[in-house]
Amino acid sequence: MQAPFTTISTFRDTLAAAPGPDSDAIKGAQDRNAQLTKPPGALGRLEDLAIWYAGWRGDAQPQIRAPQVIIFAGNHGVCAQGVSAFPSEVTAQMVANFEHGGAAINQLSKAFGARMDVYPLSLDIPTADFTIQPAMSEAEFIDALQTGWNAVDPDADLLVTGEMGIGNTTSAAAVAAGVLGGDPAGWTGRGTGIDDAGLARKTDVVARGLALHATTDPLEALRCLGGRELVAMAGAIAAARYHRIPVVLDGFICCAAAVALHKAVDGALDHAVAGHLSAEDAHQRLLDAMGKQPLLQLGLRLGEGSGAALAIAVLKGAIACHSGMATFAEAGVSDG
């Protein structure tokens, strides 16, 4: 299905009109959970995850059969300011690695039975340097949103969005600060491993971008300070809500894109869980702002959707137990 919006305003309206979970499926899943052969609450968060998932899929006894991982890649004009330890050429090189199956995310997608798609976004035309002008025009912003939206398979039953883009932790820090406020230094981390001088430059770049593009509109902050891959992730997460596909959020960069949706429309991320807490210091602040508790904490800082892809296993485990376990009546076991 093609994206049903052509402007920022109509995108916001589309997101606001997206459906919520199925209350009957939630009730059915809660009733089933109460009858399974285990003490009440013995599976902890797995029980809550299963009921949450059931509500979004409209099925009290669901299965996860078709997870989709989508990697979006973009280049950033702000890299000219010396904010990354790697040159922009690495973005295209890593896209080739994804396409040939050689990256970590390829292995994780395969391990957990997920279809993986890769979308390079105008890599030969970086976004504008946001210390000088908005990173994207509205037309470029909408194009990236639509790419993300259209990349989602409506038949998928779980979505992970990942990214690749040299310089995108700078963009993500600027977006997070633009949406949530606060000191630029508190949002800016070392990304791929820059030294102290590089971190100082990066923090200064974020501060200058925020000074130039002060706005109270979170989608405008994403347009002016973001990258095409961040915007495409936001579009995909929004499309998943439209199709009632649960989402597993990845690390700092993915959550910077997601928090713009969270602030743009109340409840926009009710269909999403946080896959993990990354090693990027400010990721916890983003999760707190969105009210998300991570499923995993493994010190990851790779990006690519890797932490969220690992968390597919947690969701699959939750659903396998919920939908596959016997009830007390089925097993002939007394429930007390």
C-alpha atoms as a PDB file:
ATOM      1  CA  MET A   1       0.000   0.000   0.000  1.00  0.00           C
ATOM      2  CA  GLN A   2       1.340   3.421  -0.947  1.00  0.00           C
ATOM      3  CA  ALA A   3       1.731   5.984   1.810  1.00  0.00           C
ATOM      4  CA  PRO A   4      -1.548   7.898   2.362  1.00  0.00           C
ATOM      5  CA  PHE A   5       0.076  11.288   2.994  1.00  0.00           C
ATOM      6  CA  THR A   6       1.853  13.959   0.959  1.00  0.00           C
ATOM      7  CA  THR A   7       2.652  16.651   3.548  1.00  0.00           C
ATOM      8  CA  ILE A   8       3.863  16.822   7.148  1.00  0.00           C
ATOM      9  CA  SER A   9       0.354  17.840   8.197  1.00  0.00           C
ATOM     10  CA  THR A  10      -1.321  14.871   6.506  1.00  0.00           C
ATOM     11  CA  PHE A  11       1.339  12.517   7.893  1.00  0.00           C
ATOM     12  CA  ARG A  12       0.518  13.742  11.388  1.00  0.00           C
ATOM     13  CA  ASP A  13      -3.197  13.226  10.687  1.00  0.00           C
ATOM     14  CA  THR A  14      -2.538   9.712   9.362  1.00  0.00           C
ATOM     15  CA  LEU A  15      -0.572   8.824  12.480  1.00  0.00           C
ATOM     16  CA  ALA A  16      -3.256  10.241  14.754  1.00  0.00           C
ATOM     17  CA  ALA A  17      -5.966   8.222  12.973  1.00  0.00           C
ATOM     18  CA  ALA A  18      -4.092   4.900  13.122  1.00  0.00           C
ATOM     19  CA  PRO A  19      -5.923   2.068  14.927  1.00  0.00           C
ATOM     20  CA  GLY A  20      -5.278   0.898  18.457  1.00  0.00           C
ATOM     21  CA  PRO A  21      -5.094  -2.642  19.824  1.00  0.00           C
ATOM     22  CA  ASP A  22      -8.023  -5.077  19.763  1.00  0.00           C
ATOM     23  CA  SER A  23      -9.616  -5.069  23.224  1.00  0.00           C
ATOM     24  CA  ASP A  24     -11.305  -8.447  22.670  1.00  0.00           C
ATOM     25  CA  ALA A  25      -7.975 -10.043  21.772  1.00  0.00           C
ATOM     26  CA  ILE A  26      -6.387  -8.526  24.887  1.00  0.00           C
ATOM     27  CA  LYS A  27      -9.182  -9.922  27.072  1.00  0.00           C
ATOM     28  CA  GLY A  28      -8.905 -13.332  25.409  1.00  0.00           C
ATOM     29  CA  ALA A  29      -5.143 -13.373  25.864  1.00  0.00           C
ATOM     30  CA  GLN A  30      -5.484 -12.366  29.521  1.00  0.00           C
ATOM     31  CA  ASP A  31      -8.013 -15.144  30.097  1.00  0.00           C
ATOM     32  CA  ARG A  32      -5.783 -17.691  28.366  1.00  0.00           C
ATOM     33  CA  ASN A  33      -2.730 -16.562  30.337  1.00  0.00           C
ATOM     34  CA  ALA A  34      -4.631 -17.130  33.579  1.00  0.00           C
ATOM     35  CA  GLN A  35      -5.323 -20.756  32.587  1.00  0.00           C
ATOM     36  CA  LEU A  36      -1.814 -21.811  31.493  1.00  0.00           C
ATOM     37  CA  THR A  37       0.077 -24.496  33.415  1.00  0.00           C
ATOM     38  CA  LYS A  38       2.243 -22.205  35.528  1.00  0.00           C
ATOM     39  CA  PRO A  39       1.907 -20.167  38.707  1.00  0.00           C
ATOM     40  CA  PRO A  40       0.387 -16.710  38.110  1.00  0.00           C
ATOM     41  CA  GLY A  41       3.044 -14.274  36.936  1.00  0.00           C
ATOM     42  CA  ALA A  42       5.762 -16.936  36.795  1.00  0.00           C
ATOM     43  CA  LEU A  43       6.863 -15.883  33.306  1.00  0.00           C
ATOM     44  CA  GLY A  44       7.246 -12.250  34.333  1.00  0.00           C
ATOM     45  CA  ARG A  45       7.444  -9.756  31.464  1.00  0.00           C
ATOM     46  CA  LEU A  46       6.929 -12.533  28.920  1.00  0.00           C
ATOM     47  CA  GLU A  47       3.292 -12.666  29.978  1.00  0.00           C
ATOM     48  CA  ASP A  48       2.814  -8.922  29.496  1.00  0.00           C
ATOM     49  CA  LEU A  49       4.582  -9.046  26.126  1.00  0.00           C
ATOM     50  CA  ALA A  50       2.381 -11.860  24.900  1.00  0.00           C
ATOM     51  CA  ILE A  51      -0.823 -10.060  25.881  1.00  0.00           C
ATOM     52  CA  TRP A  52       0.444  -6.812  24.325  1.00  0.00           C
ATOM     53  CA  TYR A  53       1.360  -8.611  21.123  1.00  0.00           C
ATOM     54  CA  ALA A  54      -1.989 -10.410  20.997  1.00  0.00           C
ATOM     55  CA  GLY A  55      -3.849  -7.117  21.246  1.00  0.00           C
ATOM     56  CA  TRP A  56      -2.016  -5.566  18.306  1.00  0.00           C
ATOM     57  CA  ARG A  57      -2.421  -8.667  16.147  1.00  0.00           C
ATOM     58  CA  GLY A  58      -6.106  -9.072  17.036  1.00  0.00           C
ATOM     59  CA  ASP A  59      -5.592 -12.718  18.025  1.00  0.00           C
ATOM     60  CA  ALA A  60      -5.776 -14.069  21.583  1.00  0.00           C
ATOM     61  CA  GLN A  61      -3.497 -16.998  20.660  1.00  0.00           C
ATOM     62  CA  PRO A  62      -1.114 -15.511  18.075  1.00  0.00           C
ATOM     63  CA  GLN A  63       2.021 -16.794  16.346  1.00  0.00           C
ATOM     64  CA  ILE A  64       5.102 -14.959  15.055  1.00  0.00           C
ATOM     65  CA  ARG A  65       5.771 -16.328  11.595  1.00  0.00           C
ATOM     66  CA  ALA A  66       6.876 -13.365   9.453  1.00  0.00           C
ATOM     67  CA  PRO A  67       9.156 -10.845  11.194  1.00  0.00           C
ATOM     68  CA  GLN A  68      10.674  -8.163   8.965  1.00  0.00           C
ATOM     69  CA  VAL A  69      13.941  -6.292   9.501  1.00  0.00           C
ATOM     70  CA  ILE A  70      14.438  -3.158   7.388  1.00  0.00           C
ATOM     71  CA  ILE A  71      17.754  -1.316   7.209  1.00  0.00           C
ATOM     72  CA  PHE A  72      17.727   2.259   5.914  1.00  0.00           C
ATOM     73  CA  ALA A  73      20.955   3.988   4.914  1.00  0.00           C
ATOM     74  CA  GLY A  74      21.662   7.685   4.425  1.00  0.00           C
ATOM     75  CA  ASN A  75      24.543  10.132   4.237  1.00  0.00           C
ATOM     76  CA  HIS A  76      24.884  13.377   6.180  1.00  0.00           C
ATOM     77  CA  GLY A  77      26.213  16.738   5.035  1.00  0.00           C
ATOM     78  CA  VAL A  78      27.182  17.528   8.606  1.00  0.00           C
ATOM     79  CA  CYS A  79      30.025  14.998   8.260  1.00  0.00           C
ATOM     80  CA  ALA A  80      31.981  17.833   6.641  1.00  0.00           C
ATOM     81  CA  GLN A  81      32.328  19.213  10.180  1.00  0.00           C
ATOM     82  CA  GLY A  82      34.530  16.285  11.259  1.00  0.00           C
ATOM     83  CA  VAL A  83      31.996  14.577  13.535  1.00  0.00           C
ATOM     84  CA  SER A  84      32.784  10.938  12.685  1.00  0.00           C
ATOM     85  CA  ALA A  85      35.807   8.669  12.900  1.00  0.00           C
ATOM     86  CA  PHE A  86      34.921   7.223   9.481  1.00  0.00           C
ATOM     87  CA  PRO A  87      34.417   8.776   6.023  1.00  0.00           C
ATOM     88  CA  SER A  88      30.986   8.899   4.389  1.00  0.00           C
ATOM     89  CA  GLU A  89      32.097   6.342   1.775  1.00  0.00           C
ATOM     90  CA  VAL A  90      31.729   3.664   4.440  1.00  0.00           C
ATOM     91  CA  THR A  91      27.919   3.991   4.272  1.00  0.00           C
ATOM     92  CA  ALA A  92      27.773   2.661   0.700  1.00  0.00           C
ATOM     93  CA  GLN A  93      30.385   0.024   1.501  1.00  0.00           C
ATOM     94  CA  MET A  94      28.302  -1.257   4.393  1.00  0.00           C
ATOM     95  CA  VAL A  95      25.159  -1.276   2.260  1.00  0.00           C
ATOM     96  CA  ALA A  96      27.007  -3.580  -0.129  1.00  0.00           C
ATOM     97  CA  ASN A  97      27.954  -5.749   2.841  1.00  0.00           C
ATOM     98  CA  PHE A  98      24.291  -5.941   3.900  1.00  0.00           C
ATOM     99  CA  GLU A  99      23.239  -6.837   0.379  1.00  0.00           C
ATOM    100  CA  HIS A 100      25.830  -9.629   0.238  1.00  0.00           C
ATOM    101  CA  GLY A 101      24.841 -11.044   3.626  1.00  0.00           C
ATOM    102  CA  GLY A 102      28.067 -10.217   5.453  1.00  0.00           C
ATOM    103  CA  ALA A 103      26.975  -7.947   8.337  1.00  0.00           C
ATOM    104  CA  ALA A 104      25.955  -8.766  11.898  1.00  0.00           C
ATOM    105  CA  ILE A 105      22.340  -7.894  11.147  1.00  0.00           C
ATOM    106  CA  ASN A 106      22.261 -10.440   8.321  1.00  0.00           C
ATOM    107  CA  GLN A 107      23.264 -13.175  10.747  1.00  0.00           C
ATOM    108  CA  LEU A 108      20.798 -12.103  13.406  1.00  0.00           C
ATOM    109  CA  SER A 109      17.917 -11.794  10.938  1.00  0.00           C
ATOM    110  CA  LYS A 110      18.657 -15.281   9.642  1.00  0.00           C
ATOM    111  CA  ALA A 111      19.003 -16.705  13.149  1.00  0.00           C
ATOM    112  CA  PHE A 112      15.538 -15.527  14.158  1.00  0.00           C
ATOM    113  CA  GLY A 113      13.720 -16.187  10.897  1.00  0.00           C
ATOM    114  CA  ALA A 114      13.310 -12.570   9.796  1.00  0.00           C
ATOM    115  CA  ARG A 115      13.118 -11.296   6.253  1.00  0.00           C
ATOM    116  CA  MET A 116      15.694  -8.521   5.819  1.00  0.00           C
ATOM    117  CA  ASP A 117      15.411  -5.624   3.363  1.00  0.00           C
ATOM    118  CA  VAL A 118      17.910  -2.828   2.705  1.00  0.00           C
ATOM    119  CA  TYR A 119      17.024   0.662   1.434  1.00  0.00           C
ATOM    120  CA  PRO A 120      19.864   3.049   0.520  1.00  0.00           C
ATOM    121  CA  LEU A 121      18.457   6.587   0.405  1.00  0.00           C
ATOM    122  CA  SER A 122      20.170   8.878  -2.143  1.00  0.00           C
ATOM    123  CA  LEU A 123      23.637   8.085  -0.798  1.00  0.00           C
ATOM    124  CA  ASP A 124      25.226  10.224  -3.507  1.00  0.00           C
ATOM    125  CA  ILE A 125      23.252  13.266  -2.260  1.00  0.00           C
ATOM    126  CA  PRO A 126      23.915  13.777   1.468  1.00  0.00           C
ATOM    127  CA  THR A 127      21.462  15.789   3.499  1.00  0.00           C
ATOM    128  CA  ALA A 128      22.390  19.442   3.907  1.00  0.00           C
ATOM    129  CA  ASP A 129      24.729  20.469   6.725  1.00  0.00           C
ATOM    130  CA  PHE A 130      22.205  21.340   9.451  1.00  0.00           C
ATOM    131  CA  THR A 131      24.532  23.963  10.939  1.00  0.00           C
ATOM    132  CA  ILE A 132      23.914  25.996   7.777  1.00  0.00           C
ATOM    133  CA  GLN A 133      20.387  25.105   6.619  1.00  0.00           C
ATOM    134  CA  PRO A 134      17.675  22.497   7.257  1.00  0.00           C
ATOM    135  CA  ALA A 135      18.917  18.971   6.616  1.00  0.00           C
ATOM    136  CA  MET A 136      15.952  18.313   4.306  1.00  0.00           C
ATOM    137  CA  SER A 137      13.324  20.278   2.437  1.00  0.00           C
ATOM    138  CA  GLU A 138       9.731  19.252   3.120  1.00  0.00           C
ATOM    139  CA  ALA A 139       9.692  17.376  -0.202  1.00  0.00           C
ATOM    140  CA  GLU A 140      12.835  15.432   0.741  1.00  0.00           C
ATOM    141  CA  PHE A 141      11.434  14.754   4.203  1.00  0.00           C
ATOM    142  CA  ILE A 142       8.151  13.420   2.814  1.00  0.00           C
ATOM    143  CA  ASP A 143      10.008  11.292   0.260  1.00  0.00           C
ATOM    144  CA  ALA A 144      12.004   9.630   3.035  1.00  0.00           C
ATOM    145  CA  LEU A 145       8.872   9.135   5.170  1.00  0.00           C
ATOM    146  CA  GLN A 146       7.086   7.548   2.216  1.00  0.00           C
ATOM    147  CA  THR A 147      10.053   5.284   1.481  1.00  0.00           C
ATOM    148  CA  GLY A 148       9.948   4.027   5.044  1.00  0.00           C
ATOM    149  CA  TRP A 149       6.188   3.595   5.005  1.00  0.00           C
ATOM    150  CA  ASN A 150       6.165   1.716   1.693  1.00  0.00           C
ATOM    151  CA  ALA A 151       9.023  -0.567   2.794  1.00  0.00           C
ATOM    152  CA  VAL A 152       6.832  -2.265   5.416  1.00  0.00           C
ATOM    153  CA  ASP A 153       5.269  -5.540   4.294  1.00  0.00           C
ATOM    154  CA  PRO A 154       1.612  -5.442   5.421  1.00  0.00           C
ATOM    155  CA  ASP A 155       1.820  -9.213   5.913  1.00  0.00           C
ATOM    156  CA  ALA A 156       4.708  -8.940   8.398  1.00  0.00           C
ATOM    157  CA  ASP A 157       3.819  -9.717  12.000  1.00  0.00           C
ATOM    158  CA  LEU A 158       6.771  -8.014  13.731  1.00  0.00           C
ATOM    159  CA  LEU A 159       8.988  -5.141  12.595  1.00  0.00           C
ATOM    160  CA  VAL A 160      12.554  -4.080  13.368  1.00  0.00           C
ATOM    161  CA  THR A 161      13.988  -0.930  11.808  1.00  0.00           C
ATOM    162  CA  GLY A 162      17.736  -0.411  11.646  1.00  0.00           C
ATOM    163  CA  GLU A 163      20.074   2.111  10.089  1.00  0.00           C
ATOM    164  CA  MET A 164      23.452   2.778   8.563  1.00  0.00           C
ATOM    165  CA  GLY A 165      24.846   6.251   8.027  1.00  0.00           C
ATOM    166  CA  ILE A 166      28.213   7.720   8.879  1.00  0.00           C
ATOM    167  CA  GLY A 167      27.556  10.750  11.086  1.00  0.00           C
ATOM    168  CA  ASN A 168      24.095   9.685  12.151  1.00  0.00           C
ATOM    169  CA  THR A 169      24.756   9.695  15.894  1.00  0.00           C
ATOM    170  CA  THR A 170      25.348  13.439  15.489  1.00  0.00           C
ATOM    171  CA  SER A 171      22.041  13.806  13.707  1.00  0.00           C
ATOM    172  CA  ALA A 172      20.289  11.618  16.285  1.00  0.00           C
ATOM    173  CA  ALA A 173      21.723  13.675  19.163  1.00  0.00           C
ATOM    174  CA  ALA A 174      20.510  16.866  17.526  1.00  0.00           C
ATOM    175  CA  VAL A 175      17.031  15.428  16.931  1.00  0.00           C
ATOM    176  CA  ALA A 176      16.780  14.138  20.510  1.00  0.00           C
ATOM    177  CA  ALA A 177      17.787  17.524  21.888  1.00  0.00           C
ATOM    178  CA  GLY A 178      15.509  19.328  19.440  1.00  0.00           C
ATOM    179  CA  VAL A 179      12.507  17.215  20.430  1.00  0.00           C
ATOM    180  CA  LEU A 180      13.119  16.862  24.172  1.00  0.00           C
ATOM    181  CA  GLY A 181      15.317  19.854  25.021  1.00  0.00           C
ATOM    182  CA  GLY A 182      18.337  19.870  27.295  1.00  0.00           C
ATOM    183  CA  ASP A 183      22.049  20.523  27.095  1.00  0.00           C
ATOM    184  CA  PRO A 184      23.584  19.356  23.776  1.00  0.00           C
ATOM    185  CA  ALA A 185      26.499  17.788  25.678  1.00  0.00           C
ATOM    186  CA  GLY A 186      24.083  15.534  27.515  1.00  0.00           C
ATOM    187  CA  TRP A 187      22.784  14.085  24.251  1.00  0.00           C
ATOM    188  CA  THR A 188      26.069  13.800  22.368  1.00  0.00           C
ATOM    189  CA  GLY A 189      28.202  10.667  22.648  1.00  0.00           C
ATOM    190  CA  ARG A 190      31.213   9.093  21.001  1.00  0.00           C
ATOM    191  CA  GLY A 191      29.280   7.133  18.373  1.00  0.00           C
ATOM    192  CA  THR A 192      31.754   4.997  16.427  1.00  0.00           C
ATOM    193  CA  GLY A 193      34.594   5.943  18.761  1.00  0.00           C
ATOM    194  CA  ILE A 194      35.727   9.525  18.248  1.00  0.00           C
ATOM    195  CA  ASP A 195      38.371  10.995  20.549  1.00  0.00           C
ATOM    196  CA  ASP A 196      37.923  13.882  22.997  1.00  0.00           C
ATOM    197  CA  ALA A 197      38.598  16.536  20.355  1.00  0.00           C
ATOM    198  CA  GLY A 198      36.090  14.882  18.036  1.00  0.00           C
ATOM    199  CA  LEU A 199      33.483  14.752  20.798  1.00  0.00           C
ATOM    200  CA  ALA A 200      33.971  18.478  21.437  1.00  0.00           C
ATOM    201  CA  ARG A 201      33.486  19.230  17.729  1.00  0.00           C
ATOM    202  CA  LYS A 202      30.419  17.001  17.603  1.00  0.00           C
ATOM    203  CA  THR A 203      28.863  18.674  20.642  1.00  0.00           C
ATOM    204  CA  ASP A 204      29.510  22.107  19.146  1.00  0.00           C
ATOM    205  CA  VAL A 205      27.897  21.016  15.861  1.00  0.00           C
ATOM    206  CA  VAL A 206      24.799  19.819  17.706  1.00  0.00           C
ATOM    207  CA  ALA A 207      24.606  23.089  19.648  1.00  0.00           C
ATOM    208  CA  ARG A 208      24.882  25.168  16.475  1.00  0.00           C
ATOM    209  CA  GLY A 209      22.209  23.103  14.756  1.00  0.00           C
ATOM    210  CA  LEU A 210      19.842  23.566  17.669  1.00  0.00           C
ATOM    211  CA  ALA A 211      20.447  27.305  17.739  1.00  0.00           C
ATOM    212  CA  LEU A 212      19.662  27.592  14.040  1.00  0.00           C
ATOM    213  CA  HIS A 213      16.569  25.384  14.032  1.00  0.00           C
ATOM    214  CA  ALA A 214      14.730  26.123  17.262  1.00  0.00           C
ATOM    215  CA  THR A 215      11.224  24.638  16.936  1.00  0.00           C
ATOM    216  CA  THR A 216       8.531  23.182  19.157  1.00  0.00           C
ATOM    217  CA  ASP A 217       7.316  20.834  16.412  1.00  0.00           C
ATOM    218  CA  PRO A 218       8.991  17.402  16.780  1.00  0.00           C
ATOM    219  CA  LEU A 219       8.487  16.538  13.103  1.00  0.00           C
ATOM    220  CA  GLU A 220      10.108  19.819  12.091  1.00  0.00           C
ATOM    221  CA  ALA A 221      13.027  18.986  14.381  1.00  0.00           C
ATOM    222  CA  LEU A 222      13.343  15.648  12.588  1.00  0.00           C
ATOM    223  CA  ARG A 223      13.275  17.397   9.193  1.00  0.00           C
ATOM    224  CA  CYS A 224      15.756  20.122  10.062  1.00  0.00           C
ATOM    225  CA  LEU A 225      18.214  18.052  12.099  1.00  0.00           C
ATOM    226  CA  GLY A 226      17.670  14.459  11.035  1.00  0.00           C
ATOM    227  CA  GLY A 227      18.855  12.233   8.235  1.00  0.00           C
ATOM    228  CA  ARG A 228      16.982  10.367   5.548  1.00  0.00           C
ATOM    229  CA  GLU A 229      17.496   7.048   7.338  1.00  0.00           C
ATOM    230  CA  LEU A 230      16.065   8.428  10.589  1.00  0.00           C
ATOM    231  CA  VAL A 231      13.049   9.794   8.754  1.00  0.00           C
ATOM    232  CA  ALA A 232      12.525   6.524   6.890  1.00  0.00           C
ATOM    233  CA  MET A 233      12.597   4.626  10.186  1.00  0.00           C
ATOM    234  CA  ALA A 234       9.910   6.971  11.514  1.00  0.00           C
ATOM    235  CA  GLY A 235       7.842   6.334   8.395  1.00  0.00           C
ATOM    236  CA  ALA A 236       8.187   2.575   8.785  1.00  0.00           C
ATOM    237  CA  ILE A 237       7.283   2.660  12.479  1.00  0.00           C
ATOM    238  CA  ALA A 238       4.201   4.730  11.609  1.00  0.00           C
ATOM    239  CA  ALA A 239       3.211   2.304   8.840  1.00  0.00           C
ATOM    240  CA  ALA A 240       3.514  -0.586  11.267  1.00  0.00           C
ATOM    241  CA  ARG A 241       1.062   1.180  13.577  1.00  0.00           C
ATOM    242  CA  TYR A 242      -1.323   1.632  10.634  1.00  0.00           C
ATOM    243  CA  HIS A 243      -1.114  -2.111   9.858  1.00  0.00           C
ATOM    244  CA  ARG A 244      -1.180  -3.167  13.537  1.00  0.00           C
ATOM    245  CA  ILE A 245       2.281  -4.687  13.301  1.00  0.00           C
ATOM    246  CA  PRO A 246       4.160  -4.656  16.622  1.00  0.00           C
ATOM    247  CA  VAL A 247       7.583  -2.978  16.506  1.00  0.00           C
ATOM    248  CA  VAL A 248      10.835  -3.656  18.350  1.00  0.00           C
ATOM    249  CA  LEU A 249      12.841  -0.439  18.648  1.00  0.00           C
ATOM    250  CA  ASP A 250      16.620  -0.562  18.290  1.00  0.00           C
ATOM    251  CA  GLY A 251      19.208   1.738  19.858  1.00  0.00           C
ATOM    252  CA  PHE A 252      19.880   5.445  20.216  1.00  0.00           C
ATOM    253  CA  ILE A 253      19.477   6.405  16.553  1.00  0.00           C
ATOM    254  CA  CYS A 254      16.257   4.453  16.028  1.00  0.00           C
ATOM    255  CA  CYS A 255      14.821   5.836  19.272  1.00  0.00           C
ATOM    256  CA  ALA A 256      15.733   9.401  18.305  1.00  0.00           C
ATOM    257  CA  ALA A 257      13.576   8.931  15.209  1.00  0.00           C
ATOM    258  CA  ALA A 258      10.822   7.269  17.240  1.00  0.00           C
ATOM    259  CA  VAL A 259      10.698   9.958  19.930  1.00  0.00           C
ATOM    260  CA  ALA A 260       9.662  12.476  17.272  1.00  0.00           C
ATOM    261  CA  LEU A 261       6.576  10.335  16.615  1.00  0.00           C
ATOM    262  CA  HIS A 262       5.992   9.937  20.345  1.00  0.00           C
ATOM    263  CA  LYS A 263       5.957  13.708  20.846  1.00  0.00           C
ATOM    264  CA  ALA A 264       4.002  14.416  17.644  1.00  0.00           C
ATOM    265  CA  VAL A 265       0.982  12.237  18.506  1.00  0.00           C
ATOM    266  CA  ASP A 266       0.015  10.846  21.913  1.00  0.00           C
ATOM    267  CA  GLY A 267       0.226   7.058  21.963  1.00  0.00           C
ATOM    268  CA  ALA A 268       2.011   6.854  18.606  1.00  0.00           C
ATOM    269  CA  LEU A 269       4.415   4.236  19.995  1.00  0.00           C
ATOM    270  CA  ASP A 270       1.951   2.082  21.914  1.00  0.00           C
ATOM    271  CA  HIS A 271       2.645  -0.682  19.378  1.00  0.00           C
ATOM    272  CA  ALA A 272       6.403  -0.583  20.088  1.00  0.00           C
ATOM    273  CA  VAL A 273       8.695  -2.076  22.707  1.00  0.00           C
ATOM    274  CA  ALA A 274      12.349  -1.241  23.338  1.00  0.00           C
ATOM    275  CA  GLY A 275      14.570  -4.102  22.201  1.00  0.00           C
ATOM    276  CA  HIS A 276      17.629  -3.165  24.230  1.00  0.00           C
ATOM    277  CA  LEU A 277      19.581  -0.485  26.058  1.00  0.00           C
ATOM    278  CA  SER A 278      22.641   0.432  24.020  1.00  0.00           C
ATOM    279  CA  ALA A 279      26.059   1.616  25.208  1.00  0.00           C
ATOM    280  CA  GLU A 280      25.364   5.155  23.933  1.00  0.00           C
ATOM    281  CA  ASP A 281      24.886   7.108  27.169  1.00  0.00           C
ATOM    282  CA  ALA A 282      21.860   9.132  26.098  1.00  0.00           C
ATOM    283  CA  HIS A 283      19.836   6.102  24.980  1.00  0.00           C
ATOM    284  CA  GLN A 284      18.469   5.630  28.507  1.00  0.00           C
ATOM    285  CA  ARG A 285      17.162   9.210  28.451  1.00  0.00           C
ATOM    286  CA  LEU A 286      15.270   8.511  25.238  1.00  0.00           C
ATOM    287  CA  LEU A 287      13.763   5.318  26.653  1.00  0.00           C
ATOM    288  CA  ASP A 288      12.712   7.192  29.790  1.00  0.00           C
ATOM    289  CA  ALA A 289      11.091   9.921  27.681  1.00  0.00           C
ATOM    290  CA  MET A 290       9.099   7.297  25.779  1.00  0.00           C
ATOM    291  CA  GLY A 291       8.261   5.240  28.870  1.00  0.00           C
ATOM    292  CA  LYS A 292       9.949   2.129  27.469  1.00  0.00           C
ATOM    293  CA  GLN A 293      11.760  -0.528  29.487  1.00  0.00           C
ATOM    294  CA  PRO A 294      14.399  -2.383  27.423  1.00  0.00           C
ATOM    295  CA  LEU A 295      14.169  -6.142  26.971  1.00  0.00           C
ATOM    296  CA  LEU A 296      17.950  -6.618  26.803  1.00  0.00           C
ATOM    297  CA  GLN A 297      21.070  -4.825  28.059  1.00  0.00           C
ATOM    298  CA  LEU A 298      24.175  -6.201  26.385  1.00  0.00           C
ATOM    299  CA  GLY A 299      26.420  -3.175  25.863  1.00  0.00           C
ATOM    300  CA  LEU A 300      25.736  -3.091  22.119  1.00  0.00           C
ATOM    301  CA  ARG A 301      26.564   0.011  20.063  1.00  0.00           C
ATOM    302  CA  LEU A 302      26.593  -1.346  16.519  1.00  0.00           C
ATOM    303  CA  GLY A 303      23.283  -0.041  15.219  1.00  0.00           C
ATOM    304  CA  GLU A 304      21.970  -1.854  12.130  1.00  0.00           C
ATOM    305  CA  GLY A 305      18.928  -2.951  14.135  1.00  0.00           C
ATOM    306  CA  SER A 306      21.144  -5.542  15.823  1.00  0.00           C
ATOM    307  CA  GLY A 307      19.866  -5.207  19.388  1.00  0.00           C
ATOM    308  CA  ALA A 308      16.238  -5.165  18.272  1.00  0.00           C
ATOM    309  CA  ALA A 309      16.821  -8.209  16.073  1.00  0.00           C
ATOM    310  CA  LEU A 310      18.199 -10.089  19.074  1.00  0.00           C
ATOM    311  CA  ALA A 311      15.041  -9.158  20.970  1.00  0.00           C
ATOM    312  CA  ILE A 312      12.939 -10.927  18.320  1.00  0.00           C
ATOM    313  CA  ALA A 313      13.944 -14.075  20.203  1.00  0.00           C
ATOM    314  CA  VAL A 314      12.411 -12.701  23.401  1.00  0.00           C
ATOM    315  CA  LEU A 315       9.130 -11.926  21.640  1.00  0.00           C
ATOM    316  CA  LYS A 316       9.122 -15.328  19.969  1.00  0.00           C
ATOM    317  CA  GLY A 317       9.710 -16.954  23.346  1.00  0.00           C
ATOM    318  CA  ALA A 318       6.853 -15.020  24.909  1.00  0.00           C
ATOM    319  CA  ILE A 319       4.441 -15.981  22.138  1.00  0.00           C
ATOM    320  CA  ALA A 320       5.619 -19.611  22.031  1.00  0.00           C
ATOM    321  CA  CYS A 321       4.840 -20.001  25.724  1.00  0.00           C
ATOM    322  CA  HIS A 322       1.557 -18.106  25.591  1.00  0.00           C
ATOM    323  CA  SER A 323       0.132 -19.800  22.511  1.00  0.00           C
ATOM    324  CA  GLY A 324       1.765 -23.228  22.831  1.00  0.00           C
ATOM    325  CA  MET A 325       1.508 -24.102  26.511  1.00  0.00           C
ATOM    326  CA  ALA A 326      -1.344 -26.265  27.676  1.00  0.00           C
ATOM    327  CA  THR A 327      -4.038 -24.925  29.945  1.00  0.00           C
ATOM    328  CA  PHE A 328      -4.679 -26.647  33.246  1.00  0.00           C
ATOM    329  CA  ALA A 329      -7.802 -28.237  31.753  1.00  0.00           C
ATOM    330  CA  GLU A 330      -5.961 -29.460  28.632  1.00  0.00           C
ATOM    331  CA  ALA A 331      -3.124 -30.946  30.676  1.00  0.00           C
ATOM    332  CA  GLY A 332      -5.352 -32.506  33.308  1.00  0.00           C
ATOM    333  CA  VAL A 333      -3.488 -30.618  36.010  1.00  0.00           C
ATOM    334  CA  SER A 334      -5.245 -29.193  39.052  1.00  0.00           C
ATOM    335  CA  ASP A 335      -4.961 -25.422  39.278  1.00  0.00           C
ATOM    336  CA  GLY A 336      -5.440 -25.348  43.016  1.00  0.00           C
END
